[in-house]
Protein backbone atom coordinates (compact mmCIF):
# COMPACT_ATOMS: atom_id res chain seq x y z
CA MET A 1 29.64 -25.37 -20.57
CA SER A 2 28.71 -27.63 -17.69
CA ALA A 3 31.33 -29.49 -15.66
CA ASP A 4 29.91 -32.78 -16.92
CA THR A 5 30.32 -31.69 -20.54
CA ALA A 6 33.80 -30.37 -19.91
CA THR A 7 35.07 -33.56 -18.33
CA THR A 8 33.75 -36.05 -20.85
CA SER A 9 34.99 -34.46 -24.05
CA VAL A 10 38.12 -36.62 -24.35
CA THR A 11 38.19 -40.37 -24.91
CA THR A 12 41.03 -41.80 -22.84
CA ALA A 13 40.76 -45.57 -23.17
CA GLY A 14 44.33 -46.80 -23.20
CA PHE A 15 45.91 -43.33 -22.96
CA THR A 16 49.69 -43.91 -23.00
CA GLN A 17 51.53 -41.47 -20.79
CA ARG A 18 55.06 -41.98 -22.12
CA LEU A 19 56.12 -40.04 -25.17
CA ALA A 20 57.35 -42.03 -28.14
CA PRO A 21 61.15 -42.29 -28.45
CA GLU A 22 61.17 -40.20 -31.62
CA VAL A 23 59.73 -37.26 -29.70
CA TYR A 24 62.93 -37.14 -27.64
CA ASP A 25 64.94 -37.18 -30.85
CA ARG A 26 63.08 -34.02 -31.89
CA ILE A 27 63.57 -32.47 -28.47
CA GLN A 28 67.30 -33.09 -28.58
CA GLN A 29 67.49 -31.72 -32.13
CA ARG A 30 65.81 -28.48 -31.07
CA ILE A 31 68.63 -27.95 -28.54
CA LEU A 32 71.45 -28.14 -31.09
CA PRO A 33 70.97 -24.72 -32.74
CA LEU A 34 70.80 -23.19 -29.26
CA LEU A 35 74.20 -24.68 -28.48
CA GLU A 36 75.61 -23.20 -31.67
CA ARG A 37 74.04 -19.82 -30.92
CA GLU A 38 75.70 -19.71 -27.49
CA GLY A 39 79.01 -21.06 -28.76
CA LEU A 40 78.83 -24.22 -26.65
CA GLU A 41 80.31 -27.64 -27.36
CA ALA A 42 77.70 -29.38 -25.22
CA ILE A 43 75.14 -28.92 -22.45
CA LEU A 44 75.13 -30.79 -19.14
CA THR A 45 72.17 -30.68 -16.78
CA ASP A 46 71.38 -32.47 -13.54
CA ASP A 47 68.04 -30.75 -13.09
CA PRO A 48 65.48 -33.61 -12.78
CA GLU A 49 62.99 -31.85 -15.06
CA ASP A 50 65.65 -31.19 -17.71
CA VAL A 51 66.80 -34.82 -17.47
CA SER A 52 63.30 -36.11 -18.13
CA TYR A 53 62.76 -33.55 -20.90
CA LEU A 54 65.92 -34.53 -22.78
CA SER A 55 65.98 -38.29 -22.20
CA GLY A 56 62.57 -39.48 -20.97
CA PHE A 57 64.07 -40.74 -17.69
CA PHE A 58 61.97 -39.75 -14.67
CA HIS A 59 63.41 -40.25 -11.20
CA HIS A 60 63.16 -39.09 -7.63
CA PRO A 61 66.18 -36.82 -7.08
CA GLY A 62 68.52 -37.49 -4.20
CA GLU A 63 72.16 -37.34 -3.27
CA ARG A 64 73.25 -39.59 -6.15
CA PRO A 65 73.81 -37.48 -9.29
CA VAL A 66 71.73 -38.07 -12.40
CA ALA A 67 72.65 -35.99 -15.44
CA VAL A 68 72.34 -35.71 -19.20
CA LEU A 69 75.15 -34.57 -21.47
CA LEU A 70 74.11 -33.55 -24.99
CA ASP A 71 76.93 -32.52 -27.33
CA ALA A 72 76.88 -30.38 -30.45
CA ALA A 73 76.90 -33.47 -32.67
CA GLY A 74 73.60 -34.64 -31.14
CA ARG A 75 75.02 -37.43 -28.96
CA ALA A 76 73.11 -37.78 -25.68
CA VAL A 77 74.57 -39.58 -22.66
CA LEU A 78 72.61 -40.27 -19.48
CA LEU A 79 74.55 -40.69 -16.23
CA VAL A 80 72.80 -42.66 -13.50
CA PRO A 81 73.91 -44.58 -10.42
CA GLU A 82 74.13 -48.33 -11.01
CA LEU A 83 71.02 -48.86 -8.89
CA GLU A 84 69.02 -46.84 -11.48
CA ARG A 85 70.35 -48.59 -14.60
CA GLN A 86 67.44 -51.03 -14.90
CA HIS A 87 64.98 -48.24 -14.19
CA ALA A 88 66.46 -46.11 -16.99
CA GLU A 89 66.44 -49.05 -19.40
CA GLU A 90 62.84 -49.96 -18.63
CA GLN A 91 61.79 -46.36 -19.26
CA ARG A 92 63.41 -46.62 -22.70
CA SER A 93 65.53 -43.59 -21.99
CA ARG A 94 66.61 -41.94 -25.24
CA ALA A 95 70.34 -41.70 -24.50
CA GLU A 96 73.41 -43.83 -24.00
CA ILE A 97 73.49 -44.95 -20.36
CA VAL A 98 76.62 -44.82 -18.27
CA THR A 99 76.72 -45.57 -14.55
CA PHE A 100 78.76 -44.97 -11.45
CA ALA A 101 78.98 -47.48 -8.61
CA GLU A 102 77.72 -45.55 -5.61
CA TYR A 103 77.80 -42.20 -3.87
CA PRO A 104 80.01 -40.75 -2.47
CA GLY A 105 82.00 -43.70 -3.84
CA LEU A 106 85.69 -44.31 -4.32
CA GLU A 107 85.60 -42.43 -7.63
CA ASN A 108 84.12 -39.09 -8.61
CA PRO A 109 80.60 -40.03 -9.79
CA PHE A 110 81.01 -37.83 -12.87
CA ALA A 111 84.22 -39.61 -13.94
CA PRO A 112 82.37 -42.29 -16.00
CA LEU A 113 80.53 -39.52 -17.84
CA ALA A 114 83.81 -37.75 -18.56
CA ARG A 115 85.28 -40.96 -19.98
CA ALA A 116 82.20 -41.49 -22.14
CA ALA A 117 82.47 -37.92 -23.42
CA GLY A 118 86.00 -38.60 -24.68
CA ALA A 119 87.93 -35.50 -25.69
CA LEU A 120 85.25 -33.00 -24.70
CA ARG A 121 86.82 -29.60 -24.11
CA GLY A 122 86.07 -25.92 -24.44
CA ARG A 123 82.83 -24.15 -23.45
CA VAL A 124 80.16 -26.48 -22.07
CA GLY A 125 76.86 -25.19 -20.74
CA VAL A 126 75.67 -26.19 -17.30
CA THR A 127 72.30 -25.51 -15.69
CA THR A 128 72.15 -22.50 -13.41
CA GLN A 129 70.50 -24.77 -10.82
CA VAL A 130 73.61 -26.93 -10.29
CA THR A 131 74.92 -26.92 -6.73
CA GLN A 132 78.40 -25.65 -5.88
CA HIS A 133 79.31 -29.16 -4.70
CA ARG A 134 78.35 -30.83 -7.96
CA LEU A 135 79.98 -28.10 -10.02
CA ALA A 136 83.23 -28.77 -8.15
CA MET A 137 82.95 -32.48 -8.95
CA LEU A 138 82.34 -31.65 -12.62
CA GLN A 139 85.38 -29.37 -12.72
CA THR A 140 87.51 -32.17 -11.33
CA ALA A 141 86.15 -34.82 -13.70
CA PHE A 142 86.31 -32.66 -16.86
CA ASP A 143 89.66 -30.90 -16.59
CA ALA A 144 89.60 -29.37 -20.10
CA VAL A 145 86.09 -27.88 -19.90
CA ASP A 146 85.09 -24.28 -19.25
CA TRP A 147 81.69 -24.46 -17.54
CA VAL A 148 79.26 -21.76 -18.67
CA PRO A 149 75.98 -21.24 -16.77
CA THR A 150 73.02 -21.27 -19.17
CA GLU A 151 69.25 -21.60 -19.15
CA LEU A 152 68.97 -22.76 -22.74
CA VAL A 153 67.18 -26.02 -21.85
CA THR A 154 64.74 -24.08 -19.68
CA ARG A 155 64.00 -21.75 -22.59
CA ALA A 156 63.62 -24.68 -24.99
CA ARG A 157 60.94 -26.06 -22.68
CA TYR A 158 58.79 -22.92 -22.99
CA VAL A 159 57.07 -23.97 -26.23
CA LYS A 160 55.49 -27.41 -26.04
CA LEU A 161 55.48 -29.98 -28.82
CA PRO A 162 52.02 -31.22 -29.91
CA GLU A 163 52.58 -34.51 -28.07
CA GLU A 164 53.27 -32.60 -24.86
CA VAL A 165 50.13 -30.49 -25.32
CA GLU A 166 48.05 -33.68 -25.49
CA GLN A 167 49.47 -34.76 -22.13
CA HIS A 168 48.58 -31.37 -20.65
CA ARG A 169 45.06 -31.67 -22.08
CA GLU A 170 44.58 -35.04 -20.40
CA ALA A 171 45.90 -33.65 -17.11
CA ALA A 172 43.37 -30.82 -17.45
CA ARG A 173 40.52 -33.28 -18.01
CA ILE A 174 41.48 -35.13 -14.84
CA THR A 175 41.75 -31.86 -12.91
CA ASP A 176 38.21 -30.92 -13.94
CA VAL A 177 36.95 -34.33 -12.81
CA MET A 178 38.67 -33.82 -9.46
CA LEU A 179 37.04 -30.42 -9.01
CA GLN A 180 33.64 -31.97 -9.68
CA ALA A 181 34.41 -34.83 -7.28
CA GLY A 182 35.10 -32.33 -4.50
CA VAL A 183 31.80 -30.55 -5.12
CA ASP A 184 29.93 -33.87 -5.29
CA LEU A 185 31.33 -35.00 -1.93
CA ILE A 186 29.95 -31.88 -0.27
CA ARG A 187 26.57 -32.16 -2.01
CA GLU A 188 26.23 -35.80 -1.00
CA ALA A 189 26.89 -34.91 2.64
CA ILE A 190 24.24 -32.17 2.49
CA ASP A 191 21.66 -34.38 0.74
CA GLU A 192 22.20 -37.24 3.20
CA GLY A 193 22.24 -35.04 6.29
CA ARG A 194 25.81 -36.05 7.18
CA PRO A 195 28.45 -33.71 8.62
CA LEU A 196 30.21 -31.67 5.98
CA PRO A 197 33.71 -32.90 5.11
CA THR A 198 36.86 -31.42 6.54
CA GLU A 199 39.56 -29.83 4.41
CA ALA A 200 41.59 -33.00 4.85
CA ASP A 201 38.60 -35.17 3.84
CA LEU A 202 38.21 -33.19 0.63
CA ALA A 203 41.93 -33.24 -0.14
CA GLY A 204 42.09 -37.00 0.30
CA HIS A 205 38.98 -37.59 -1.79
CA VAL A 206 40.02 -35.51 -4.79
CA GLY A 207 43.53 -36.98 -4.70
CA ARG A 208 42.20 -40.55 -4.73
CA THR A 209 39.87 -39.62 -7.58
CA GLY A 210 42.71 -38.28 -9.73
CA VAL A 211 45.15 -41.08 -9.02
CA GLY A 212 42.41 -43.65 -9.61
CA ILE A 213 41.79 -42.22 -13.08
CA MET A 214 45.52 -42.33 -13.80
CA TYR A 215 45.86 -46.03 -13.11
CA GLY A 216 42.39 -47.01 -14.29
CA GLU A 217 42.51 -45.37 -17.71
CA HIS A 218 46.21 -44.99 -18.56
CA ARG A 219 49.12 -47.21 -19.54
CA ASP A 220 52.77 -46.58 -18.60
CA VAL A 221 51.91 -44.12 -15.83
CA VAL A 222 54.83 -41.77 -15.27
CA VAL A 223 55.33 -41.82 -11.52
CA ILE A 224 56.68 -38.58 -10.12
CA SER A 225 56.33 -37.02 -6.69
CA PHE A 226 52.91 -35.59 -7.57
CA LEU A 227 50.31 -37.37 -9.70
CA ALA A 228 47.05 -35.69 -8.67
CA GLY A 229 45.75 -33.68 -5.73
CA GLY A 230 46.26 -30.23 -4.33
CA LEU A 231 45.36 -27.75 -1.65
CA VAL A 232 41.95 -27.46 -0.02
CA TYR A 233 41.16 -24.70 2.43
CA ALA A 234 38.07 -22.97 3.79
CA GLY A 235 37.16 -19.76 5.57
CA ALA A 236 40.05 -17.84 7.08
CA ASN A 237 42.44 -20.69 6.20
CA SER A 238 42.01 -19.86 2.51
CA ALA A 239 43.44 -16.37 3.08
CA ILE A 240 46.90 -18.01 3.11
CA PRO A 241 47.64 -18.63 -0.61
CA HIS A 242 49.66 -21.82 -0.09
CA GLY A 243 48.12 -22.97 3.16
CA LEU A 244 47.84 -26.69 3.84
CA PRO A 245 44.63 -28.66 4.42
CA SER A 246 43.64 -29.07 8.07
CA GLY A 247 41.00 -30.79 10.14
CA TYR A 248 38.71 -27.77 9.82
CA ARG A 249 35.16 -28.90 8.96
CA LEU A 250 33.30 -26.84 6.36
CA ARG A 251 30.18 -25.02 7.46
CA ASP A 252 27.32 -22.97 6.05
CA GLY A 253 28.50 -19.55 4.85
CA ASP A 254 32.11 -20.56 4.22
CA THR A 255 34.14 -19.46 1.25
CA PHE A 256 36.38 -22.37 0.31
CA MET A 257 38.92 -23.11 -2.38
CA LEU A 258 39.83 -26.24 -4.33
CA SER A 259 43.33 -25.65 -5.69
CA LEU A 260 43.95 -28.83 -7.67
CA GLY A 261 46.16 -30.26 -10.37
CA ALA A 262 47.45 -33.36 -12.08
CA ALA A 263 50.50 -34.48 -14.03
CA VAL A 264 50.20 -36.79 -17.03
CA GLY A 265 53.45 -37.97 -18.52
CA GLY A 266 55.11 -35.63 -16.05
CA ARG A 267 53.33 -32.63 -17.61
CA PHE A 268 51.38 -30.53 -15.12
CA VAL A 269 48.12 -28.65 -15.16
CA GLU A 270 46.44 -26.69 -12.40
CA GLY A 271 42.82 -25.68 -12.01
CA GLU A 272 41.47 -23.72 -9.07
CA ARG A 273 37.99 -22.55 -8.16
CA THR A 274 36.57 -20.65 -5.20
CA PHE A 275 33.17 -21.76 -3.89
CA VAL A 276 30.63 -20.47 -1.40
CA LEU A 277 28.56 -22.74 0.83
CA GLY A 278 25.04 -21.38 1.17
CA SER A 279 23.79 -17.98 0.04
CA PRO A 280 26.65 -15.58 -0.81
CA THR A 281 26.74 -12.27 1.03
CA PRO A 282 27.18 -9.04 -0.98
CA GLU A 283 30.77 -8.98 0.26
CA GLN A 284 31.47 -12.52 -0.97
CA ARG A 285 29.90 -11.73 -4.33
CA ARG A 286 31.99 -8.57 -4.73
CA TYR A 287 35.22 -10.41 -3.97
CA HIS A 288 34.45 -13.37 -6.22
CA ASP A 289 33.16 -11.29 -9.14
CA THR A 290 36.21 -9.03 -9.04
CA VAL A 291 38.59 -11.98 -9.24
CA ARG A 292 36.50 -13.51 -12.02
CA ASP A 293 36.65 -10.25 -13.98
CA ALA A 294 40.40 -10.06 -13.46
CA GLN A 295 40.84 -13.63 -14.65
CA ALA A 296 38.74 -12.93 -17.73
CA GLU A 297 40.94 -9.94 -18.58
CA GLY A 298 43.98 -12.11 -17.93
CA SER A 299 42.69 -14.61 -20.46
CA ARG A 300 42.34 -11.87 -23.07
CA ALA A 301 45.84 -10.60 -22.26
CA ILE A 302 47.48 -14.00 -22.80
CA ALA A 303 48.27 -13.97 -26.52
CA PRO A 304 51.28 -14.27 -28.83
CA GLY A 305 53.55 -11.24 -28.73
CA VAL A 306 52.19 -9.93 -25.43
CA ARG A 307 54.97 -9.60 -22.87
CA CYS A 308 54.46 -11.43 -19.60
CA ALA A 309 54.77 -8.17 -17.67
CA GLU A 310 52.02 -6.57 -19.76
CA SER A 311 49.66 -9.50 -19.28
CA ASN A 312 50.23 -9.36 -15.52
CA ALA A 313 49.60 -5.60 -15.42
CA ARG A 314 46.35 -5.85 -17.36
CA CYS A 315 45.05 -8.69 -15.21
CA LEU A 316 45.85 -7.21 -11.80
CA ALA A 317 44.70 -3.70 -12.79
CA VAL A 318 41.12 -5.01 -12.65
CA ILE A 319 41.54 -5.81 -8.95
CA ARG A 320 43.25 -2.51 -8.19
CA ASP A 321 40.61 -0.53 -10.08
CA ALA A 322 37.93 -2.27 -7.99
CA GLY A 323 39.54 -0.90 -4.84
CA LEU A 324 40.84 -4.27 -3.67
CA GLY A 325 44.54 -3.87 -4.46
CA GLN A 326 45.48 -4.08 -0.79
CA TYR A 327 44.49 -7.75 -0.84
CA LEU A 328 46.84 -8.75 -3.67
CA ARG A 329 49.72 -11.03 -2.69
CA HIS A 330 51.04 -12.46 -5.93
CA ARG A 331 51.42 -12.18 -9.71
CA GLN A 332 48.97 -13.27 -12.40
CA GLY A 333 50.66 -16.59 -13.06
CA HIS A 334 53.60 -18.65 -14.26
CA GLY A 335 54.69 -21.17 -16.85
CA ILE A 336 53.66 -24.80 -16.49
CA GLY A 337 55.29 -27.86 -17.98
CA LEU A 338 57.45 -30.51 -16.38
CA GLY A 339 57.37 -28.22 -13.36
CA MET A 340 54.18 -27.01 -11.73
CA HIS A 341 55.92 -23.63 -11.46
CA GLU A 342 58.46 -22.76 -14.15
CA PRO A 343 59.33 -19.77 -16.30
CA PRO A 344 58.22 -17.62 -17.93
CA TRP A 345 56.62 -15.64 -15.12
CA LEU A 346 53.51 -13.53 -15.65
CA GLU A 347 54.86 -10.77 -13.43
CA ASP A 348 56.04 -7.18 -13.74
CA GLY A 349 59.70 -8.18 -13.88
CA ASP A 350 59.50 -10.65 -16.79
CA PRO A 351 59.64 -9.09 -20.29
CA THR A 352 59.39 -12.48 -22.09
CA PRO A 353 56.99 -12.31 -25.07
CA LEU A 354 54.37 -15.04 -25.03
CA GLU A 355 54.49 -17.50 -27.94
CA ALA A 356 52.06 -20.02 -29.38
CA GLY A 357 52.63 -23.37 -27.70
CA MET A 358 53.45 -21.98 -24.27
CA ILE A 359 51.30 -23.05 -21.32
CA VAL A 360 50.87 -20.63 -18.43
CA SER A 361 48.62 -20.32 -15.42
CA ASN A 362 46.09 -17.50 -15.18
CA GLU A 363 45.37 -17.23 -11.46
CA PRO A 364 44.68 -13.82 -9.98
CA GLY A 365 43.65 -13.89 -6.35
CA ILE A 366 42.86 -11.73 -3.36
CA TYR A 367 43.29 -12.68 0.30
CA ILE A 368 41.36 -11.02 3.09
CA PRO A 369 42.87 -11.89 6.51
CA GLY A 370 40.32 -13.30 8.92
CA HIS A 371 37.78 -13.85 6.15
CA ALA A 372 38.91 -15.88 3.12
CA GLY A 373 40.87 -16.04 -0.10
CA TYR A 374 39.43 -15.88 -3.62
CA ARG A 375 41.41 -17.32 -6.53
CA ILE A 376 40.40 -18.68 -9.92
CA SER A 377 43.02 -20.45 -12.00
CA ASP A 378 43.15 -22.07 -15.41
CA SER A 379 46.09 -23.49 -17.31
CA MET A 380 46.15 -21.59 -20.60
CA LEU A 381 47.56 -22.76 -23.92
CA VAL A 382 48.84 -19.84 -25.97
CA THR A 383 47.45 -20.26 -29.49
CA ALA A 384 48.18 -18.55 -32.80
CA SER A 385 45.39 -16.03 -32.19
CA GLY A 386 45.08 -15.81 -28.40
CA SER A 387 44.76 -18.44 -25.72
CA GLU A 388 42.67 -21.46 -24.76
CA PRO A 389 41.87 -22.63 -21.22
CA LEU A 390 42.77 -26.29 -20.83
CA THR A 391 40.81 -26.55 -17.59
CA ARG A 392 37.12 -25.85 -18.19
CA PHE A 393 35.22 -26.14 -14.90
CA PRO A 394 32.68 -23.27 -14.62
CA ARG A 395 34.08 -20.04 -13.15
CA SER A 396 31.16 -17.75 -12.24
CA LEU A 397 29.98 -17.45 -8.65
CA ASP A 398 26.50 -18.70 -9.59
CA ASP A 399 28.13 -21.92 -10.82
CA CYS A 400 30.30 -22.12 -7.71
CA VAL A 401 27.60 -21.81 -5.04
CA ILE A 402 26.62 -24.98 -3.17
CA PRO A 403 23.22 -24.54 -1.47
CA VAL A 404 23.03 -25.78 2.11
């Protein structure tokens, strides 16, 4: 499939990023049996991703607490500072809204939530990500509650609802367009005899492309810290897996990487390709082909019932068997959802079985100091019979060579 075909397969006129209110009703309902299973009277979370998952309220986290309390009867209460009340209302947050005046304030900011919760007592789950400081404030505000660390909301987020999958698909379409935009910028410079772009030039261009699509083709854009963009690095810079773009200008013979992604409705996708400028050397072809073979095996390994650790082992064994294991620096991949990186982890230490509806990255890579890095990544939807790549930009080296 060509990049052009891959990126025009979805009609997006008027794509609405915000989920319908009834979707949040279903999300909250799927939490209730988990509360019963763990013997909890309620769950409280101040994790920004959990808050948006349960209520539809997206915000930039800071020192002022924002939290959702969902009790066993299905009542959801959203705590926000007064300055965020209008914001929560305009986002049609699917919860009762209670506010505190300011932080640190004259009153414990969780006190209004405790009053709204009434006679809540007993075992209440709290996210394992809560800080010690906020946990102390909760213990003071809710004097009859026994706080129990739990990851039940995180686990509920593993399997996506169909409406969430559609948001991921749209984010994947945009990511493919951004990859093509990066390639086109380089080709235009070559055709017109202009200097090749720098890493920073490429990063800025693909980011503007993605954000432009968001606002040009979508309604109710969910604004979070990252809408579209990513990492761009060339030559030896790409041997650092999470290196940042620099002023380095691409040149003939370079291996370079476009590590891009987008978030639609707060739901992330990543798509990464490694390119070669000019004619690949035998060494470049060996490195790229090995990673491509590993990624292909990783795709086959991602299927319902396969444990994350097993998928990781099968994927990375291809690189080790090719004699390049010394250049490995990371696992096969990770879960993707409201976080760009979230569990489950496709790594030796995670026994979680994959399930239909999960979305995970498939991104084996090798990194040769002083030369370059090679990584190919797709966001994969686990299906009933296997897996489907949401990002579809071509992967082979022949498709990822840009003649100079």
